[in-house]
């Protein structure tokens, strides 16, 4: 099993001027108003994945160039600094802007806390290609120090099920072989569910039961592969209760198909080391949000969950200390985990969501 991420440091990244040694638990619910910085925290996870995949400069280019990643621009922020700790292991690096809008990866180092403890400096990569990745994939004896960090970050999944439109990939056919890992946008939801049905029947039944709770008229999926030339493809066709007429993916409402994707991600039998989900409550009925919260809580017993939300109805279902409030102060994002002792009196009469709505827990819009 891969190690979860238990401490992060971020300096100079987008709206995050400095977040130092911030501790993450198995369950982390980030709340905050629009523009507070929740999405920028999620971008931190996406950035590390891109570095591990060898696509740092492509990620920066698609994000508008390195200047758009520096807190208040080049004059204020000369370089970005990141540190990730995975129990006894760690990874740190800087990203420095070049004369154009590209960037270099500098001061890479790995940490190992055993025997000769401390940071081992790997060096600089002007082309943005990670030396930690090179070491992890190599055949030297040092790969055993980098490989666990590489494996953990490689397994992360940042799920984004916002696009449920008619053109969304989740509503269309996909080849049956694309079934090993649920993709970030659930483009392969049908082949992945078909794989679970054949190989992981218990997980498949749990997903079915969750979907039936939220969509009472839903009976079962029809995951029959069709021939498309030399390729076999499958889509998310399904049956209604009391009917044998095959319904198609476009018959699902936006909320229904989004919940199917969420349930599949949270009930997958071999989850990644960390699951990150942005605003999972979008388009869901209040009763569905309650079931979603239960799925999140149960999933956090098997893997680490990072959830960003603006929904009082969702955070109602979590403990105070599961919640991290994101605010803006002097133009920079701040992050603070709530402590139950500070809200004991309030919690006798109000839920966590109600306290946030009443601004007892500050996390609404900030006017600067």
Protein backbone atom coordinates (compact mmCIF):
# COMPACT_ATOMS: atom_id res chain seq x y z
CA UNK A 1 0.00 0.00 0.00
CA UNK A 2 1.30 3.46 -0.90
CA UNK A 3 2.04 6.00 1.84
CA UNK A 4 -0.39 8.86 2.29
CA UNK A 5 0.72 12.48 2.32
CA UNK A 6 0.86 13.76 5.89
CA UNK A 7 2.57 17.17 5.65
CA UNK A 8 2.95 19.82 2.95
CA UNK A 9 4.83 23.09 2.52
CA UNK A 10 3.97 25.44 -0.35
CA UNK A 11 5.58 28.85 -0.92
CA UNK A 12 4.79 31.39 -3.62
CA UNK A 13 2.32 29.26 -5.59
CA UNK A 14 -0.62 31.19 -7.07
CA UNK A 15 -2.61 32.64 -4.11
CA UNK A 16 -0.64 30.60 -1.56
CA UNK A 17 2.10 32.89 -0.28
CA UNK A 18 3.19 30.43 2.42
CA UNK A 19 1.72 27.24 3.81
CA UNK A 20 4.31 25.66 6.07
CA UNK A 21 4.29 22.12 7.48
CA UNK A 22 0.52 21.86 7.12
CA UNK A 23 -0.67 18.49 8.42
CA UNK A 24 -3.10 16.36 6.45
CA UNK A 25 -5.22 13.59 7.94
CA UNK A 26 -6.93 10.63 6.32
CA UNK A 27 -10.01 12.86 5.83
CA UNK A 28 -9.66 16.53 4.91
CA UNK A 29 -12.66 18.68 3.94
CA UNK A 30 -11.59 22.12 2.65
CA UNK A 31 -14.24 24.83 2.74
CA UNK A 32 -14.07 28.45 1.65
CA UNK A 33 -15.67 31.10 -0.51
CA UNK A 34 -15.03 31.69 -4.19
CA UNK A 35 -11.44 32.78 -4.77
CA UNK A 36 -10.24 31.78 -1.30
CA UNK A 37 -7.68 29.32 -2.68
CA UNK A 38 -9.22 25.83 -2.49
CA UNK A 39 -8.66 25.22 -6.19
CA UNK A 40 -5.04 26.35 -5.90
CA UNK A 41 -4.43 23.71 -3.25
CA UNK A 42 -5.83 21.12 -5.63
CA UNK A 43 -3.50 22.51 -8.30
CA UNK A 44 -0.60 21.63 -5.99
CA UNK A 45 -1.55 17.96 -6.31
CA UNK A 46 -1.94 18.31 -10.08
CA UNK A 47 1.47 19.98 -10.31
CA UNK A 48 3.20 17.11 -8.52
CA UNK A 49 1.48 14.58 -10.75
CA UNK A 50 2.67 16.46 -13.84
CA UNK A 51 6.25 16.50 -12.54
CA UNK A 52 6.13 12.75 -11.92
CA UNK A 53 4.69 12.24 -15.42
CA UNK A 54 7.48 14.37 -16.94
CA UNK A 55 5.10 17.09 -18.14
CA UNK A 56 6.00 20.09 -15.98
CA UNK A 57 6.56 22.63 -18.76
CA UNK A 58 3.50 21.46 -20.69
CA UNK A 59 1.43 21.97 -17.51
CA UNK A 60 2.92 25.45 -17.05
CA UNK A 61 2.34 26.35 -20.70
CA UNK A 62 -1.31 25.27 -20.56
CA UNK A 63 -1.68 27.25 -17.32
CA UNK A 64 -0.67 30.51 -19.02
CA UNK A 65 3.09 30.45 -18.43
CA UNK A 66 5.22 30.51 -15.28
CA UNK A 67 4.35 34.13 -14.43
CA UNK A 68 0.75 33.08 -13.76
CA UNK A 69 1.93 30.57 -11.12
CA UNK A 70 4.01 33.03 -9.07
CA UNK A 71 2.31 34.72 -6.11
CA UNK A 72 1.77 38.34 -7.23
CA UNK A 73 4.09 37.86 -10.21
CA UNK A 74 7.84 37.81 -10.82
CA UNK A 75 8.65 40.98 -8.86
CA UNK A 76 7.24 39.54 -5.64
CA UNK A 77 8.02 35.83 -6.03
CA UNK A 78 11.40 34.77 -7.40
CA UNK A 79 10.79 31.01 -7.20
CA UNK A 80 8.30 28.42 -6.01
CA UNK A 81 9.13 26.05 -3.15
CA UNK A 82 7.37 22.77 -2.39
CA UNK A 83 7.83 20.04 0.17
CA UNK A 84 5.85 16.83 0.64
CA UNK A 85 6.29 14.38 3.51
CA UNK A 86 5.10 10.77 3.42
CA UNK A 87 5.69 9.43 6.92
CA UNK A 88 9.42 8.62 6.98
CA UNK A 89 9.96 9.77 3.38
CA UNK A 90 9.83 13.10 1.64
CA UNK A 91 10.30 15.10 -1.56
CA UNK A 92 11.15 18.77 -2.01
CA UNK A 93 11.98 20.99 -4.95
CA UNK A 94 11.91 24.52 -6.33
CA UNK A 95 10.53 25.78 -9.62
CA UNK A 96 12.38 28.79 -10.99
CA UNK A 97 11.16 30.92 -13.89
CA UNK A 98 13.32 31.22 -16.97
CA UNK A 99 13.66 34.20 -19.33
CA UNK A 100 10.61 32.97 -21.27
CA UNK A 101 7.47 31.49 -19.72
CA UNK A 102 9.14 28.11 -19.14
CA UNK A 103 10.62 26.93 -15.85
CA UNK A 104 13.44 24.89 -14.36
CA UNK A 105 13.19 22.29 -11.62
CA UNK A 106 15.89 23.08 -9.04
CA UNK A 107 17.15 21.89 -5.66
CA UNK A 108 15.35 18.55 -5.88
CA UNK A 109 15.89 16.41 -2.81
CA UNK A 110 14.47 13.29 -1.24
CA UNK A 111 14.13 12.53 2.46
CA UNK A 112 14.48 9.23 4.24
CA UNK A 113 14.19 8.89 8.00
CA UNK A 114 16.10 5.73 8.88
CA UNK A 115 19.72 5.31 9.92
CA UNK A 116 21.41 8.18 8.06
CA UNK A 117 18.42 10.51 8.25
CA UNK A 118 17.83 13.74 6.40
CA UNK A 119 17.59 15.26 2.96
CA UNK A 120 19.64 13.94 0.05
CA UNK A 121 20.11 16.58 -2.64
CA UNK A 122 19.54 15.33 -6.18
CA UNK A 123 20.32 18.56 -8.06
CA UNK A 124 18.83 20.80 -10.77
CA UNK A 125 16.96 20.07 -14.01
CA UNK A 126 16.96 23.01 -16.44
CA UNK A 127 14.56 21.12 -18.73
CA UNK A 128 12.06 20.48 -15.91
CA UNK A 129 12.54 16.70 -15.98
CA UNK A 130 12.59 15.30 -12.45
CA UNK A 131 15.77 13.70 -11.12
CA UNK A 132 13.70 11.89 -8.50
CA UNK A 133 11.77 10.19 -11.30
CA UNK A 134 15.01 9.31 -13.09
CA UNK A 135 16.39 7.75 -9.91
CA UNK A 136 13.14 5.93 -9.10
CA UNK A 137 12.98 4.36 -12.54
CA UNK A 138 16.68 3.49 -12.62
CA UNK A 139 18.37 0.27 -11.60
CA UNK A 140 20.78 1.72 -9.04
CA UNK A 141 20.57 0.80 -5.37
CA UNK A 142 19.35 4.36 -4.62
CA UNK A 143 16.05 3.75 -6.43
CA UNK A 144 14.68 2.18 -3.23
CA UNK A 145 14.71 5.66 -1.64
CA UNK A 146 12.88 7.44 -4.47
CA UNK A 147 10.55 4.70 -5.64
CA UNK A 148 8.05 4.83 -2.72
CA UNK A 149 7.57 8.60 -3.21
CA UNK A 150 7.27 8.17 -6.97
CA UNK A 151 4.72 5.36 -6.52
CA UNK A 152 2.63 7.34 -4.03
CA UNK A 153 2.38 10.46 -6.20
CA UNK A 154 1.84 8.39 -9.36
CA UNK A 155 -1.18 6.75 -7.77
CA UNK A 156 -2.93 10.02 -6.85
CA UNK A 157 -6.21 10.65 -8.65
CA UNK A 158 -7.64 14.15 -8.93
CA UNK A 159 -11.23 13.51 -9.94
CA UNK A 160 -13.14 16.17 -11.83
CA UNK A 161 -16.66 15.12 -12.82
CA UNK A 162 -17.98 18.62 -13.59
CA UNK A 163 -18.53 18.02 -17.31
CA UNK A 164 -21.65 15.89 -17.66
CA UNK A 165 -22.79 17.48 -20.92
CA UNK A 166 -23.95 15.56 -23.98
CA UNK A 167 -20.39 15.58 -25.32
CA UNK A 168 -18.78 14.40 -22.06
CA UNK A 169 -16.73 11.22 -22.54
CA UNK A 170 -18.51 9.46 -19.66
CA UNK A 171 -21.69 9.41 -21.78
CA UNK A 172 -20.03 7.73 -24.77
CA UNK A 173 -18.44 4.45 -25.81
CA UNK A 174 -14.91 3.51 -24.74
CA UNK A 175 -12.77 0.49 -25.59
CA UNK A 176 -13.17 -2.39 -23.13
CA UNK A 177 -9.40 -2.59 -22.53
CA UNK A 178 -9.38 0.85 -20.84
CA UNK A 179 -10.37 -0.62 -17.51
CA UNK A 180 -7.36 -0.68 -15.18
CA UNK A 181 -7.84 2.65 -13.38
CA UNK A 182 -10.83 5.01 -13.28
CA UNK A 183 -9.77 8.08 -15.22
CA UNK A 184 -9.88 11.59 -13.71
CA UNK A 185 -12.99 12.55 -15.74
CA UNK A 186 -14.57 9.07 -15.71
CA UNK A 187 -14.11 8.82 -19.50
CA UNK A 188 -13.74 5.05 -19.06
CA UNK A 189 -16.53 4.58 -16.51
CA UNK A 190 -18.27 1.87 -18.58
CA UNK A 191 -15.24 -0.42 -19.20
CA UNK A 192 -14.11 0.12 -15.61
CA UNK A 193 -17.51 -0.97 -14.24
CA UNK A 194 -17.52 -3.93 -16.64
CA UNK A 195 -14.13 -4.95 -15.25
CA UNK A 196 -15.44 -4.70 -11.67
CA UNK A 197 -18.51 -6.72 -12.57
CA UNK A 198 -16.32 -9.54 -13.86
CA UNK A 199 -13.42 -9.38 -11.40
CA UNK A 200 -14.59 -7.49 -8.28
CA UNK A 201 -18.22 -8.48 -7.81
CA UNK A 202 -18.48 -7.18 -4.22
CA UNK A 203 -17.31 -3.68 -5.15
CA UNK A 204 -19.62 -3.69 -8.17
CA UNK A 205 -22.64 -4.57 -5.99
CA UNK A 206 -21.75 -1.82 -3.52
CA UNK A 207 -21.70 0.71 -6.36
CA UNK A 208 -25.05 -0.58 -7.67
CA UNK A 209 -26.63 -0.34 -4.22
CA UNK A 210 -25.39 3.24 -3.73
CA UNK A 211 -26.71 4.33 -7.14
CA UNK A 212 -30.09 2.70 -6.41
CA UNK A 213 -30.36 4.69 -3.17
CA UNK A 214 -29.90 7.97 -5.03
CA UNK A 215 -31.76 7.01 -8.23
CA UNK A 216 -34.75 4.86 -7.12
CA UNK A 217 -35.91 4.11 -10.69
CA UNK A 218 -32.48 2.69 -11.64
CA UNK A 219 -32.22 -1.10 -11.73
CA UNK A 220 -28.89 -2.16 -13.26
CA UNK A 221 -26.25 -1.34 -15.84
CA UNK A 222 -26.21 -2.99 -19.27
CA UNK A 223 -22.51 -3.37 -19.92
CA UNK A 224 -22.56 -5.30 -23.17
CA UNK A 225 -19.60 -4.67 -25.45
CA UNK A 226 -20.34 -3.83 -29.09
CA UNK A 227 -18.10 -4.31 -32.10
CA UNK A 228 -16.73 -1.17 -33.77
CA UNK A 229 -14.58 -2.49 -36.59
CA UNK A 230 -11.70 -4.30 -34.90
CA UNK A 231 -12.42 -2.74 -31.50
CA UNK A 232 -14.86 -3.76 -28.78
CA UNK A 233 -16.41 -0.84 -26.95
CA UNK A 234 -18.94 -0.43 -24.15
CA UNK A 235 -21.06 2.45 -22.89
CA UNK A 236 -23.11 3.16 -19.78
CA UNK A 237 -26.46 1.84 -20.97
CA UNK A 238 -28.89 0.75 -18.24
CA UNK A 239 -32.30 -0.57 -17.23
CA UNK A 240 -35.13 1.08 -15.34
CA UNK A 241 -37.06 -0.86 -12.74
CA UNK A 242 -40.06 -2.63 -14.24
CA UNK A 243 -38.82 -2.29 -17.83
CA UNK A 244 -36.60 -4.24 -20.16
CA UNK A 245 -36.13 -1.30 -22.53
CA UNK A 246 -32.41 -0.41 -22.70
CA UNK A 247 -31.80 3.19 -21.62
CA UNK A 248 -28.77 5.09 -22.89
CA UNK A 249 -26.23 7.26 -21.02
CA UNK A 250 -27.92 10.43 -22.29
CA UNK A 251 -31.06 9.41 -20.36
CA UNK A 252 -29.21 9.97 -17.07
CA UNK A 253 -29.62 13.41 -15.50
CA UNK A 254 -26.44 15.37 -14.81
CA UNK A 255 -26.75 14.68 -11.09
CA UNK A 256 -27.35 10.94 -11.59
CA UNK A 257 -24.36 10.31 -13.84
CA UNK A 258 -22.12 12.48 -11.66
CA UNK A 259 -23.12 10.45 -8.60
CA UNK A 260 -22.38 7.19 -10.48
CA UNK A 261 -18.87 8.49 -11.14
CA UNK A 262 -18.42 9.59 -7.51
CA UNK A 263 -19.68 6.28 -6.11
CA UNK A 264 -17.36 4.36 -8.43
CA UNK A 265 -14.36 6.48 -7.42
CA UNK A 266 -15.07 6.16 -3.70
CA UNK A 267 -15.93 2.44 -3.75
CA UNK A 268 -13.16 1.26 -6.06
CA UNK A 269 -11.55 -1.83 -4.50
CA UNK A 270 -7.90 -0.75 -4.95
CA UNK A 271 -7.92 3.00 -4.33
CA UNK A 272 -4.95 5.32 -4.94
CA UNK A 273 -2.91 6.55 -1.98
CA UNK A 274 -4.76 9.89 -2.11
CA UNK A 275 -8.05 10.83 -3.75
CA UNK A 276 -8.70 14.52 -4.47
CA UNK A 277 -12.19 15.71 -5.42
CA UNK A 278 -13.27 19.29 -6.15
CA UNK A 279 -16.88 20.26 -5.34
CA UNK A 280 -18.40 16.75 -5.48
CA UNK A 281 -21.79 18.11 -4.38
CA UNK A 282 -22.51 19.88 -7.69
CA UNK A 283 -25.97 19.04 -9.04
CA UNK A 284 -26.81 16.57 -6.26
CA UNK A 285 -30.08 16.42 -4.34
CA UNK A 286 -29.73 16.93 -0.53
CA UNK A 287 -30.51 13.24 0.07
CA UNK A 288 -27.78 12.28 -2.39
CA UNK A 289 -25.34 14.58 -0.56
CA UNK A 290 -25.97 12.63 2.66
CA UNK A 291 -25.14 9.34 0.92
CA UNK A 292 -22.09 10.93 -0.72
CA UNK A 293 -20.83 12.04 2.70
CA UNK A 294 -21.17 8.48 3.99
CA UNK A 295 -19.20 7.18 1.01
CA UNK A 296 -16.46 9.76 1.66
CA UNK A 297 -16.24 8.81 5.33
CA UNK A 298 -16.03 5.10 4.53
CA UNK A 299 -13.45 5.66 1.77
CA UNK A 300 -11.23 7.62 4.18
CA UNK A 301 -10.81 4.41 6.20
CA UNK A 302 -9.07 2.84 3.18
CA UNK A 303 -7.28 5.80 1.63
CA UNK A 304 -6.63 9.51 2.08
CA UNK A 305 -9.36 11.95 0.98
CA UNK A 306 -8.90 15.62 0.04
CA UNK A 307 -12.28 17.23 -0.70
CA UNK A 308 -12.92 20.88 -1.58
CA UNK A 309 -16.48 22.13 -1.18
CA UNK A 310 -18.74 25.14 -0.68
CA UNK A 311 -21.69 23.07 0.53
CA UNK A 312 -22.95 23.54 4.12
CA UNK A 313 -25.14 20.45 3.53
CA UNK A 314 -22.05 18.33 2.83
CA UNK A 315 -19.91 19.50 5.74
CA UNK A 316 -22.88 18.89 8.08
CA UNK A 317 -21.96 15.21 7.91
CA UNK A 318 -18.37 15.54 9.12
CA UNK A 319 -16.65 16.20 12.40
CA UNK A 320 -15.32 19.66 13.15
CA UNK A 321 -11.71 18.52 13.03
CA UNK A 322 -12.17 17.04 9.56
CA UNK A 323 -12.74 20.57 8.27
CA UNK A 324 -10.06 23.00 7.04
CA UNK A 325 -11.19 26.59 6.43
CA UNK A 326 -9.62 28.49 3.54
CA UNK A 327 -9.71 32.30 3.71
CA UNK A 328 -7.96 35.26 2.12
CA UNK A 329 -5.91 37.70 4.18
CA UNK A 330 -3.90 40.52 2.63
CA UNK A 331 -4.37 38.91 -0.78
CA UNK A 332 -3.00 35.50 0.27
CA UNK A 333 -4.76 32.21 1.04
CA UNK A 334 -4.77 31.00 4.63
CA UNK A 335 -5.56 27.47 5.81
CA UNK A 336 -6.74 26.56 9.29
CA UNK A 337 -8.00 23.23 10.61
CA UNK A 338 -10.90 23.64 13.01
CA UNK A 339 -10.60 22.51 16.62
CA UNK A 340 -13.66 21.03 18.29
CA UNK A 341 -12.93 22.69 21.65
CA UNK A 342 -13.46 26.10 20.03
CA UNK A 343 -17.03 25.25 18.98
CA UNK A 344 -18.35 22.95 21.72
CA UNK A 345 -21.00 25.41 22.92
CA UNK A 346 -22.16 26.25 19.40
CA UNK A 347 -22.36 22.58 18.39
CA UNK A 348 -24.94 21.92 21.12
CA UNK A 349 -27.47 23.87 18.99
CA UNK A 350 -26.06 24.04 15.47
CA UNK A 351 -24.46 21.77 12.89
CA UNK A 352 -21.07 22.48 11.31
CA UNK A 353 -22.77 23.62 8.10
CA UNK A 354 -25.06 25.99 10.00
CA UNK A 355 -22.09 27.52 11.83
CA UNK A 356 -20.40 28.15 8.50
CA UNK A 357 -23.58 29.66 7.00
CA UNK A 358 -23.88 31.96 10.03
CA UNK A 359 -20.18 32.90 9.65
CA UNK A 360 -19.38 31.61 13.14
CA UNK A 361 -16.91 29.52 11.19
CA UNK A 362 -15.43 32.13 8.90
CA UNK A 363 -15.10 30.98 5.32
CA UNK A 364 -17.36 33.13 3.22
CA UNK A 365 -16.46 35.85 0.74
CA UNK A 366 -13.69 38.19 1.86
CA UNK A 367 -13.62 41.80 0.71
CA UNK A 368 -10.18 43.35 0.67
